[in-house]
N, C-alpha and C. Protein backbone atom coordinates (compact mmCIF):
# COMPACT_ATOMS: atom_id res chain seq x y z
N MET A 1 130.96 46.22 -71.18
CA MET A 1 130.62 47.12 -72.23
C MET A 1 130.36 48.52 -71.71
N ALA A 2 131.09 49.50 -72.08
CA ALA A 2 130.88 50.89 -71.64
C ALA A 2 129.91 51.59 -72.56
N THR A 3 129.28 52.57 -71.96
CA THR A 3 128.26 53.34 -72.80
C THR A 3 128.39 54.87 -72.23
N THR A 4 127.80 55.61 -73.00
CA THR A 4 127.66 57.12 -72.61
C THR A 4 126.24 57.47 -72.24
N ILE A 5 126.04 58.25 -71.21
CA ILE A 5 124.67 58.78 -71.00
C ILE A 5 124.78 60.25 -70.81
N GLN A 6 123.73 60.91 -71.26
CA GLN A 6 123.64 62.38 -71.14
C GLN A 6 123.02 62.80 -69.89
N VAL A 7 123.52 63.73 -69.10
CA VAL A 7 122.91 64.36 -67.91
C VAL A 7 123.07 65.82 -68.07
N HIS A 8 122.19 66.58 -67.36
CA HIS A 8 122.28 68.02 -67.37
C HIS A 8 123.40 68.35 -66.44
N GLU A 9 124.01 69.59 -66.71
CA GLU A 9 125.18 70.05 -65.90
C GLU A 9 124.90 70.04 -64.40
N ASP A 10 123.64 70.40 -63.97
CA ASP A 10 123.53 70.30 -62.50
C ASP A 10 123.59 68.87 -61.92
N VAL A 11 123.06 67.94 -62.74
CA VAL A 11 123.13 66.52 -62.31
C VAL A 11 124.69 66.13 -62.18
N LEU A 12 125.57 66.60 -63.18
CA LEU A 12 126.88 66.33 -63.21
C LEU A 12 127.54 66.89 -61.92
N ARG A 13 127.26 68.05 -61.63
CA ARG A 13 127.66 68.68 -60.41
C ARG A 13 127.37 67.83 -59.13
N GLU A 14 126.13 67.42 -59.02
CA GLU A 14 125.57 66.55 -57.90
C GLU A 14 126.45 65.27 -57.85
N LEU A 15 126.65 64.71 -59.05
CA LEU A 15 127.46 63.40 -59.17
C LEU A 15 128.93 63.69 -58.64
N ASP A 16 129.40 64.85 -59.08
CA ASP A 16 130.86 65.22 -58.69
C ASP A 16 130.93 65.34 -57.11
N MET A 17 129.80 66.04 -56.53
CA MET A 17 129.81 66.18 -55.05
C MET A 17 129.69 64.86 -54.35
N LEU A 18 128.82 64.03 -54.82
CA LEU A 18 128.63 62.68 -54.24
C LEU A 18 129.91 61.87 -54.37
N LYS A 19 130.61 61.85 -55.55
CA LYS A 19 131.82 61.19 -55.70
C LYS A 19 132.75 61.57 -54.72
N LYS A 20 133.00 62.85 -54.46
CA LYS A 20 133.92 63.27 -53.38
C LYS A 20 133.52 62.90 -51.94
N GLU A 21 132.27 63.07 -51.71
CA GLU A 21 131.70 62.67 -50.32
C GLU A 21 131.91 61.17 -50.09
N MET A 22 131.51 60.41 -51.07
CA MET A 22 131.56 59.02 -50.88
C MET A 22 132.95 58.41 -51.04
N GLY A 23 133.92 59.20 -51.57
CA GLY A 23 135.21 58.65 -51.74
C GLY A 23 135.41 57.61 -52.76
N THR A 24 134.44 57.73 -53.80
CA THR A 24 134.57 56.73 -54.89
C THR A 24 135.52 57.26 -55.97
N ARG A 25 135.85 56.28 -56.74
CA ARG A 25 136.85 56.69 -57.90
C ARG A 25 136.21 56.93 -59.18
N SER A 26 134.83 56.54 -59.35
CA SER A 26 134.22 56.80 -60.68
C SER A 26 132.68 57.08 -60.37
N TYR A 27 132.10 57.70 -61.46
CA TYR A 27 130.74 57.94 -61.37
C TYR A 27 129.91 56.63 -61.35
N GLU A 28 130.44 55.60 -61.95
CA GLU A 28 129.76 54.26 -61.93
C GLU A 28 129.61 53.79 -60.51
N GLU A 29 130.67 53.98 -59.65
CA GLU A 29 130.55 53.50 -58.28
C GLU A 29 129.49 54.25 -57.53
N VAL A 30 129.44 55.63 -57.86
CA VAL A 30 128.27 56.42 -57.24
C VAL A 30 126.99 55.93 -57.62
N ILE A 31 126.82 55.69 -58.88
CA ILE A 31 125.48 55.27 -59.37
C ILE A 31 125.13 53.91 -58.82
N ARG A 32 126.08 53.00 -58.78
CA ARG A 32 125.74 51.63 -58.12
C ARG A 32 125.42 51.78 -56.71
N ILE A 33 126.02 52.64 -55.90
CA ILE A 33 125.70 52.88 -54.55
C ILE A 33 124.25 53.41 -54.45
N LEU A 34 124.01 54.43 -55.21
CA LEU A 34 122.68 54.97 -55.23
C LEU A 34 121.61 54.04 -55.64
N LEU A 35 121.81 53.24 -56.57
CA LEU A 35 120.88 52.14 -56.94
C LEU A 35 120.72 51.09 -55.74
N LYS A 36 121.64 50.70 -55.24
CA LYS A 36 121.72 49.89 -54.17
C LYS A 36 120.81 50.37 -53.00
N ASN A 37 121.02 51.70 -52.66
CA ASN A 37 120.28 52.25 -51.58
C ASN A 37 118.81 52.41 -51.89
N ALA A 38 118.59 52.69 -53.21
CA ALA A 38 117.23 52.84 -53.70
C ALA A 38 116.35 51.60 -53.58
N LYS A 39 117.06 50.45 -53.75
CA LYS A 39 116.41 49.17 -53.66
C LYS A 39 116.08 48.70 -52.13
N LYS A 40 116.82 49.27 -51.16
CA LYS A 40 116.69 48.93 -49.84
C LYS A 40 115.39 49.35 -49.22
N LEU A 41 114.71 48.68 -48.36
CA LEU A 41 113.49 49.09 -47.70
C LEU A 41 113.97 49.99 -46.59
N GLN A 42 113.55 51.33 -46.70
CA GLN A 42 113.86 52.28 -45.68
C GLN A 42 113.21 52.09 -44.38
N ARG A 43 113.80 52.39 -43.28
CA ARG A 43 113.32 52.28 -41.96
C ARG A 43 111.90 52.89 -41.87
N THR A 44 111.66 54.00 -42.53
CA THR A 44 110.44 54.74 -42.60
C THR A 44 109.26 53.90 -43.12
N HIS A 45 109.62 52.83 -43.84
CA HIS A 45 108.51 52.15 -44.48
C HIS A 45 107.93 51.13 -43.52
N PHE A 46 108.59 50.98 -42.34
CA PHE A 46 108.07 50.11 -41.31
C PHE A 46 107.03 50.73 -40.49
N GLY A 47 106.55 51.91 -40.83
CA GLY A 47 105.49 52.56 -40.10
C GLY A 47 105.96 53.50 -39.06
N THR A 48 104.96 54.34 -38.55
CA THR A 48 105.39 55.37 -37.52
C THR A 48 105.04 54.81 -36.12
N LEU A 49 104.46 53.62 -35.96
CA LEU A 49 104.08 53.20 -34.72
C LEU A 49 104.71 51.66 -34.52
N PRO A 50 105.98 51.60 -34.32
CA PRO A 50 106.70 50.37 -34.24
C PRO A 50 106.28 49.53 -33.13
N LYS A 51 105.75 50.19 -32.11
CA LYS A 51 105.25 49.31 -30.83
C LYS A 51 103.91 48.90 -30.92
N LEU A 52 103.22 49.15 -31.99
CA LEU A 52 101.90 48.74 -32.24
C LEU A 52 101.70 47.26 -32.29
N LYS A 53 100.79 46.68 -31.59
CA LYS A 53 100.50 45.27 -31.53
C LYS A 53 100.21 44.75 -32.96
N THR A 54 100.40 43.50 -33.26
CA THR A 54 100.21 42.87 -34.50
C THR A 54 98.61 42.87 -34.76
N PHE A 55 98.36 43.21 -35.98
CA PHE A 55 96.81 43.29 -36.26
C PHE A 55 96.31 41.87 -36.46
N ARG A 56 95.21 41.63 -35.88
CA ARG A 56 94.46 40.35 -36.07
C ARG A 56 93.09 40.64 -36.49
N ARG A 57 92.61 39.90 -37.51
CA ARG A 57 91.19 40.23 -38.07
C ARG A 57 90.30 39.36 -37.11
N GLU A 58 89.13 40.06 -36.85
CA GLU A 58 88.03 39.26 -36.10
C GLU A 58 87.33 38.50 -37.10
N GLU A 59 86.95 37.34 -36.59
CA GLU A 59 86.09 36.46 -37.45
C GLU A 59 84.63 36.87 -37.15
N ILE A 60 84.01 37.35 -38.23
CA ILE A 60 82.57 37.78 -38.16
C ILE A 60 81.76 36.90 -39.01
N ASP A 61 80.70 36.44 -38.35
CA ASP A 61 79.71 35.61 -39.09
C ASP A 61 78.68 36.59 -39.76
N ARG A 62 78.79 36.93 -40.99
CA ARG A 62 77.93 37.84 -41.56
C ARG A 62 76.62 37.23 -42.07
N PHE A 63 76.36 36.02 -41.79
CA PHE A 63 75.14 35.34 -42.24
C PHE A 63 74.31 34.86 -41.13
N ASP A 64 74.26 35.58 -40.07
CA ASP A 64 73.46 35.20 -38.95
C ASP A 64 71.93 35.67 -39.11
């Protein structure tokens, strides 16, 4: 089922540029790629200290 969506002219220009850069044949392909990439966990989400040791919580007896 095909549908129509409205976008501002500046968004259309961006989609045109991405379509050419990505070598896709349609706006749908561009949007699918953008959605797929948006769902991926980015490397930056793994933190800024990748060599940091694993955190282990200390057992504290609070009722001494």
